Amino acid sequence: MRPSRQAGKFRWWNSQVGFRSENLKADLDLVGVELTVVLGSAQMPIYKLLRMGRGAIIELNASENDEVQILANNHPFARGHVVVNGTRIAVEVTEMLKRPTVYSVQTIAEAA
């Protein structure tokens, strides 16, 4: 993909697949992101899990005051705390995590 700037807009194109867009923001709105908040975990045998019915309670190794991990598409990107306000439950982001550095063979060779 190559960027080009014309008349105050960014234009992206990829000649291999014929992709061309005048408005990158509109294209990013179409990208799906699955957000997951991990409060705690529990281990149990599968036979107990299969016996559970609707409304069953699973005890976690954490409380509502513990820090939660926030995942985007199963990759950690932030930490936060659960906030309960009446009947509403929210997650307050307290720390954004740095992306891990990915090294390629080329960057390692250039550093050597």
N, C-alpha and C. Protein backbone atom coordinates (compact mmCIF):
# COMPACT_ATOMS: atom_id res chain seq x y z
N MET A 1 0.83 -1.17 0.00
CA MET A 1 0.00 0.00 0.00
C MET A 1 0.88 1.24 0.00
N ARG A 2 0.53 2.21 -0.83
CA ARG A 2 1.29 3.44 -0.91
C ARG A 2 0.38 4.61 -0.61
N PRO A 3 0.82 5.53 0.29
CA PRO A 3 0.00 6.71 0.54
C PRO A 3 0.31 7.82 -0.45
N SER A 4 -0.67 8.63 -0.75
CA SER A 4 -0.50 9.80 -1.60
C SER A 4 -1.34 10.92 -1.02
N ARG A 5 -0.81 12.12 -1.01
CA ARG A 5 -1.57 13.24 -0.45
C ARG A 5 -1.91 14.19 -1.58
N GLN A 6 -3.21 14.39 -1.78
CA GLN A 6 -3.67 15.32 -2.81
C GLN A 6 -4.85 16.11 -2.27
N ALA A 7 -4.81 17.40 -2.42
CA ALA A 7 -5.91 18.30 -2.05
C ALA A 7 -6.39 18.07 -0.62
N GLY A 8 -5.46 17.86 0.32
CA GLY A 8 -5.83 17.75 1.72
C GLY A 8 -6.41 16.42 2.14
N LYS A 9 -6.46 15.43 1.25
CA LYS A 9 -6.99 14.12 1.60
C LYS A 9 -5.90 13.07 1.40
N PHE A 10 -5.98 12.04 2.20
CA PHE A 10 -5.08 10.92 1.99
C PHE A 10 -5.74 9.94 1.04
N ARG A 11 -4.97 9.38 0.15
CA ARG A 11 -5.48 8.40 -0.79
C ARG A 11 -4.58 7.16 -0.69
N TRP A 12 -5.21 6.02 -0.47
CA TRP A 12 -4.46 4.76 -0.38
C TRP A 12 -4.84 3.88 -1.56
N TRP A 13 -3.83 3.20 -2.10
CA TRP A 13 -4.15 2.25 -3.15
C TRP A 13 -3.17 1.09 -3.09
N ASN A 14 -3.64 -0.01 -3.55
CA ASN A 14 -2.84 -1.22 -3.62
C ASN A 14 -3.09 -1.81 -4.99
N SER A 15 -2.11 -1.71 -5.87
CA SER A 15 -2.30 -2.13 -7.25
C SER A 15 -2.50 -3.64 -7.37
N GLN A 16 -2.08 -4.40 -6.36
CA GLN A 16 -2.21 -5.85 -6.45
C GLN A 16 -3.67 -6.29 -6.33
N VAL A 17 -4.46 -5.62 -5.51
CA VAL A 17 -5.85 -6.03 -5.32
C VAL A 17 -6.83 -4.99 -5.85
N GLY A 18 -6.37 -3.92 -6.41
CA GLY A 18 -7.25 -2.90 -6.96
C GLY A 18 -7.98 -2.08 -5.91
N PHE A 19 -7.44 -2.00 -4.71
CA PHE A 19 -8.08 -1.25 -3.62
C PHE A 19 -7.74 0.22 -3.76
N ARG A 20 -8.75 1.07 -3.68
CA ARG A 20 -8.51 2.51 -3.75
C ARG A 20 -9.58 3.21 -2.92
N SER A 21 -9.16 4.14 -2.09
CA SER A 21 -10.12 4.81 -1.23
C SER A 21 -9.78 6.28 -1.10
N GLU A 22 -10.78 7.11 -1.23
CA GLU A 22 -10.60 8.55 -1.03
C GLU A 22 -10.71 8.91 0.44
N ASN A 23 -11.46 8.13 1.20
CA ASN A 23 -11.71 8.46 2.59
C ASN A 23 -11.30 7.29 3.47
N LEU A 24 -10.11 7.34 4.03
CA LEU A 24 -9.59 6.25 4.85
C LEU A 24 -10.43 6.04 6.10
N LYS A 25 -10.95 7.11 6.70
CA LYS A 25 -11.76 6.99 7.92
C LYS A 25 -12.99 6.13 7.67
N ALA A 26 -13.64 6.31 6.54
CA ALA A 26 -14.82 5.51 6.22
C ALA A 26 -14.45 4.04 6.11
N ASP A 27 -13.28 3.73 5.58
CA ASP A 27 -12.84 2.35 5.46
C ASP A 27 -12.53 1.77 6.83
N LEU A 28 -11.95 2.57 7.73
CA LEU A 28 -11.64 2.07 9.07
C LEU A 28 -12.90 1.81 9.88
N ASP A 29 -13.99 2.51 9.58
CA ASP A 29 -15.25 2.26 10.26
C ASP A 29 -15.79 0.87 9.97
N LEU A 30 -15.36 0.26 8.89
CA LEU A 30 -15.83 -1.07 8.51
C LEU A 30 -15.03 -2.20 9.16
N VAL A 31 -13.94 -1.86 9.86
CA VAL A 31 -13.10 -2.87 10.49
C VAL A 31 -13.72 -3.29 11.82
N GLY A 32 -13.96 -4.60 11.96
CA GLY A 32 -14.54 -5.11 13.20
C GLY A 32 -13.47 -5.37 14.25
N VAL A 33 -13.74 -4.95 15.48
CA VAL A 33 -12.83 -5.18 16.60
C VAL A 33 -13.64 -5.79 17.74
N GLU A 34 -13.19 -6.95 18.21
CA GLU A 34 -13.86 -7.61 19.33
C GLU A 34 -13.15 -7.23 20.61
N LEU A 35 -13.87 -6.56 21.52
CA LEU A 35 -13.30 -6.15 22.80
C LEU A 35 -13.70 -7.15 23.87
N THR A 36 -12.73 -7.54 24.71
CA THR A 36 -12.96 -8.48 25.80
C THR A 36 -12.36 -7.90 27.06
N VAL A 37 -13.08 -7.98 28.17
CA VAL A 37 -12.58 -7.54 29.47
C VAL A 37 -12.45 -8.78 30.34
N VAL A 38 -11.22 -9.02 30.83
CA VAL A 38 -10.95 -10.21 31.64
C VAL A 38 -10.85 -9.77 33.10
N LEU A 39 -11.81 -10.21 33.91
CA LEU A 39 -11.84 -9.87 35.33
C LEU A 39 -11.10 -10.89 36.16
N GLY A 40 -11.20 -12.13 35.83
CA GLY A 40 -10.53 -13.20 36.58
C GLY A 40 -10.64 -14.48 35.80
N SER A 41 -10.26 -15.57 36.44
CA SER A 41 -10.34 -16.86 35.77
C SER A 41 -10.74 -17.92 36.78
N ALA A 42 -11.12 -19.06 36.27
CA ALA A 42 -11.49 -20.19 37.12
C ALA A 42 -11.15 -21.46 36.38
N GLN A 43 -10.79 -22.49 37.13
CA GLN A 43 -10.52 -23.80 36.55
C GLN A 43 -11.53 -24.78 37.11
N MET A 44 -12.12 -25.57 36.21
CA MET A 44 -13.06 -26.59 36.65
C MET A 44 -13.06 -27.72 35.63
N PRO A 45 -13.38 -28.90 36.10
CA PRO A 45 -13.46 -30.02 35.16
C PRO A 45 -14.62 -29.83 34.17
N ILE A 46 -14.49 -30.38 33.01
CA ILE A 46 -15.49 -30.19 31.97
C ILE A 46 -16.84 -30.78 32.37
N TYR A 47 -16.83 -31.87 33.16
CA TYR A 47 -18.11 -32.46 33.55
C TYR A 47 -18.93 -31.50 34.42
N LYS A 48 -18.25 -30.68 35.25
CA LYS A 48 -18.97 -29.68 36.05
C LYS A 48 -19.54 -28.57 35.16
N LEU A 49 -18.76 -28.18 34.17
CA LEU A 49 -19.21 -27.14 33.24
C LEU A 49 -20.44 -27.61 32.47
N LEU A 50 -20.44 -28.88 32.05
CA LEU A 50 -21.56 -29.41 31.29
C LEU A 50 -22.83 -29.54 32.15
N ARG A 51 -22.68 -29.69 33.45
CA ARG A 51 -23.82 -29.81 34.36
C ARG A 51 -24.44 -28.46 34.71
N MET A 52 -23.73 -27.37 34.43
CA MET A 52 -24.24 -26.05 34.81
C MET A 52 -25.44 -25.67 33.95
N GLY A 53 -26.37 -25.03 34.59
CA GLY A 53 -27.55 -24.55 33.88
C GLY A 53 -27.55 -23.04 33.81
N ARG A 54 -28.62 -22.53 33.28
CA ARG A 54 -28.78 -21.07 33.17
C ARG A 54 -28.81 -20.46 34.57
N GLY A 55 -28.06 -19.37 34.75
CA GLY A 55 -28.02 -18.69 36.04
C GLY A 55 -27.00 -19.26 37.01
N ALA A 56 -26.20 -20.25 36.57
CA ALA A 56 -25.18 -20.82 37.44
C ALA A 56 -24.11 -19.77 37.74
N ILE A 57 -23.51 -19.88 38.91
CA ILE A 57 -22.49 -18.92 39.33
C ILE A 57 -21.14 -19.61 39.32
N ILE A 58 -20.17 -18.97 38.69
CA ILE A 58 -18.80 -19.47 38.65
C ILE A 58 -17.95 -18.53 39.48
N GLU A 59 -17.31 -19.05 40.50
CA GLU A 59 -16.45 -18.22 41.34
C GLU A 59 -15.12 -17.98 40.64
N LEU A 60 -14.72 -16.72 40.60
CA LEU A 60 -13.45 -16.33 39.98
C LEU A 60 -12.39 -16.11 41.04
N ASN A 61 -11.14 -16.08 40.59
CA ASN A 61 -10.03 -15.83 41.51
C ASN A 61 -9.75 -14.34 41.64
N ALA A 62 -10.77 -13.50 41.47
CA ALA A 62 -10.61 -12.05 41.55
C ALA A 62 -11.89 -11.44 42.12
N SER A 63 -11.77 -10.20 42.56
CA SER A 63 -12.94 -9.49 43.05
C SER A 63 -13.22 -8.30 42.14
N GLU A 64 -14.34 -7.62 42.40
CA GLU A 64 -14.70 -6.48 41.55
C GLU A 64 -13.73 -5.31 41.68
N ASN A 65 -12.90 -5.31 42.72
CA ASN A 65 -11.92 -4.22 42.92
C ASN A 65 -10.59 -4.49 42.25
N ASP A 66 -10.39 -5.68 41.73
CA ASP A 66 -9.12 -6.02 41.08
C ASP A 66 -9.03 -5.38 39.70
N GLU A 67 -7.79 -5.27 39.22
CA GLU A 67 -7.54 -4.72 37.90
C GLU A 67 -8.01 -5.70 36.83
N VAL A 68 -8.54 -5.17 35.73
CA VAL A 68 -8.98 -6.01 34.62
C VAL A 68 -8.05 -5.80 33.44
N GLN A 69 -8.00 -6.81 32.59
CA GLN A 69 -7.21 -6.73 31.37
C GLN A 69 -8.18 -6.54 30.21
N ILE A 70 -7.88 -5.61 29.30
CA ILE A 70 -8.75 -5.32 28.17
C ILE A 70 -8.05 -5.80 26.91
N LEU A 71 -8.74 -6.65 26.15
CA LEU A 71 -8.18 -7.25 24.95
C LEU A 71 -8.93 -6.73 23.72
N ALA A 72 -8.20 -6.50 22.65
CA ALA A 72 -8.80 -6.18 21.35
C ALA A 72 -8.40 -7.29 20.40
N ASN A 73 -9.37 -8.03 19.90
CA ASN A 73 -9.11 -9.19 19.05
C ASN A 73 -8.12 -10.15 19.70
N ASN A 74 -8.32 -10.42 20.99
CA ASN A 74 -7.51 -11.34 21.80
C ASN A 74 -6.08 -10.89 22.02
N HIS A 75 -5.79 -9.61 21.84
CA HIS A 75 -4.46 -9.06 22.10
C HIS A 75 -4.60 -8.00 23.19
N PRO A 76 -3.81 -8.10 24.29
CA PRO A 76 -3.92 -7.11 25.36
C PRO A 76 -3.48 -5.72 24.88
N PHE A 77 -4.31 -4.72 25.17
CA PHE A 77 -3.93 -3.36 24.80
C PHE A 77 -4.13 -2.35 25.93
N ALA A 78 -4.82 -2.74 27.02
CA ALA A 78 -5.03 -1.78 28.11
C ALA A 78 -5.36 -2.53 29.39
N ARG A 79 -5.28 -1.77 30.50
CA ARG A 79 -5.70 -2.26 31.82
C ARG A 79 -6.70 -1.26 32.36
N GLY A 80 -7.54 -1.73 33.27
CA GLY A 80 -8.53 -0.82 33.82
C GLY A 80 -9.17 -1.37 35.08
N HIS A 81 -10.24 -0.71 35.51
CA HIS A 81 -11.00 -1.11 36.70
C HIS A 81 -12.48 -1.13 36.36
N VAL A 82 -13.21 -2.03 37.01
CA VAL A 82 -14.66 -2.09 36.85
C VAL A 82 -15.29 -1.00 37.70
N VAL A 83 -16.23 -0.26 37.12
CA VAL A 83 -16.94 0.80 37.82
C VAL A 83 -18.43 0.43 37.82
N VAL A 84 -19.02 0.32 39.01
CA VAL A 84 -20.44 0.00 39.13
C VAL A 84 -21.17 1.26 39.60
N ASN A 85 -22.17 1.68 38.83
CA ASN A 85 -22.95 2.87 39.16
C ASN A 85 -24.42 2.49 39.07
N GLY A 86 -25.01 2.13 40.20
CA GLY A 86 -26.40 1.70 40.20
C GLY A 86 -26.53 0.36 39.50
N THR A 87 -27.30 0.34 38.41
CA THR A 87 -27.46 -0.89 37.64
C THR A 87 -26.53 -0.95 36.44
N ARG A 88 -25.71 0.07 36.27
CA ARG A 88 -24.78 0.12 35.12
C ARG A 88 -23.40 -0.35 35.53
N ILE A 89 -22.76 -1.10 34.65
CA ILE A 89 -21.39 -1.57 34.86
C ILE A 89 -20.55 -1.04 33.71
N ALA A 90 -19.41 -0.44 34.03
CA ALA A 90 -18.51 0.11 33.02
C ALA A 90 -17.09 -0.29 33.35
N VAL A 91 -16.20 -0.10 32.39
CA VAL A 91 -14.77 -0.34 32.59
C VAL A 91 -14.03 0.96 32.35
N GLU A 92 -13.28 1.40 33.35
CA GLU A 92 -12.48 2.62 33.24
C GLU A 92 -11.06 2.22 32.85
N VAL A 93 -10.58 2.73 31.73
CA VAL A 93 -9.21 2.44 31.28
C VAL A 93 -8.24 3.27 32.10
N THR A 94 -7.28 2.59 32.75
CA THR A 94 -6.31 3.28 33.59
C THR A 94 -4.91 3.29 32.98
N GLU A 95 -4.63 2.36 32.08
CA GLU A 95 -3.28 2.28 31.49
C GLU A 95 -3.37 1.67 30.10
N MET A 96 -2.75 2.33 29.14
CA MET A 96 -2.63 1.78 27.80
C MET A 96 -1.30 1.02 27.73
N LEU A 97 -1.31 -0.16 27.19
CA LEU A 97 -0.11 -0.98 27.10
C LEU A 97 0.64 -0.66 25.81
N LYS A 98 1.95 -0.76 25.88
CA LYS A 98 2.77 -0.56 24.68
C LYS A 98 2.67 -1.79 23.80
N ARG A 99 2.71 -1.54 22.50
CA ARG A 99 2.70 -2.67 21.57
C ARG A 99 4.04 -3.37 21.64
N PRO A 100 4.05 -4.70 21.58
CA PRO A 100 5.33 -5.40 21.60
C PRO A 100 6.11 -5.12 20.32
N THR A 101 7.42 -5.03 20.47
CA THR A 101 8.27 -4.80 19.31
C THR A 101 8.42 -6.10 18.54
N VAL A 102 8.14 -6.04 17.25
CA VAL A 102 8.26 -7.21 16.40
C VAL A 102 9.52 -7.04 15.56
N TYR A 103 10.42 -7.99 15.71
CA TYR A 103 11.68 -7.93 14.98
C TYR A 103 11.62 -8.85 13.77
N SER A 104 12.10 -8.35 12.64
CA SER A 104 12.19 -9.16 11.45
C SER A 104 13.65 -9.51 11.21
N VAL A 105 13.90 -10.44 10.34
CA VAL A 105 15.28 -10.83 10.02
C VAL A 105 16.03 -9.63 9.46
N GLN A 106 15.35 -8.79 8.69
CA GLN A 106 15.99 -7.62 8.09
C GLN A 106 16.41 -6.61 9.15
N THR A 107 15.56 -6.33 10.15
CA THR A 107 15.91 -5.35 11.17
C THR A 107 17.02 -5.87 12.07
N ILE A 108 17.04 -7.17 12.32
CA ILE A 108 18.13 -7.76 13.11
C ILE A 108 19.45 -7.66 12.36
N ALA A 109 19.42 -7.93 11.05
CA ALA A 109 20.63 -7.85 10.22
C ALA A 109 21.14 -6.42 10.15
N GLU A 110 20.20 -5.44 10.08
CA GLU A 110 20.62 -4.05 10.02
C GLU A 110 21.22 -3.59 11.34
N ALA A 111 20.75 -4.11 12.45
CA ALA A 111 21.28 -3.73 13.75
C ALA A 111 22.65 -4.35 14.01
N ALA A 112 22.94 -5.44 13.38
CA ALA A 112 24.22 -6.14 13.63
C ALA A 112 25.38 -5.50 12.93
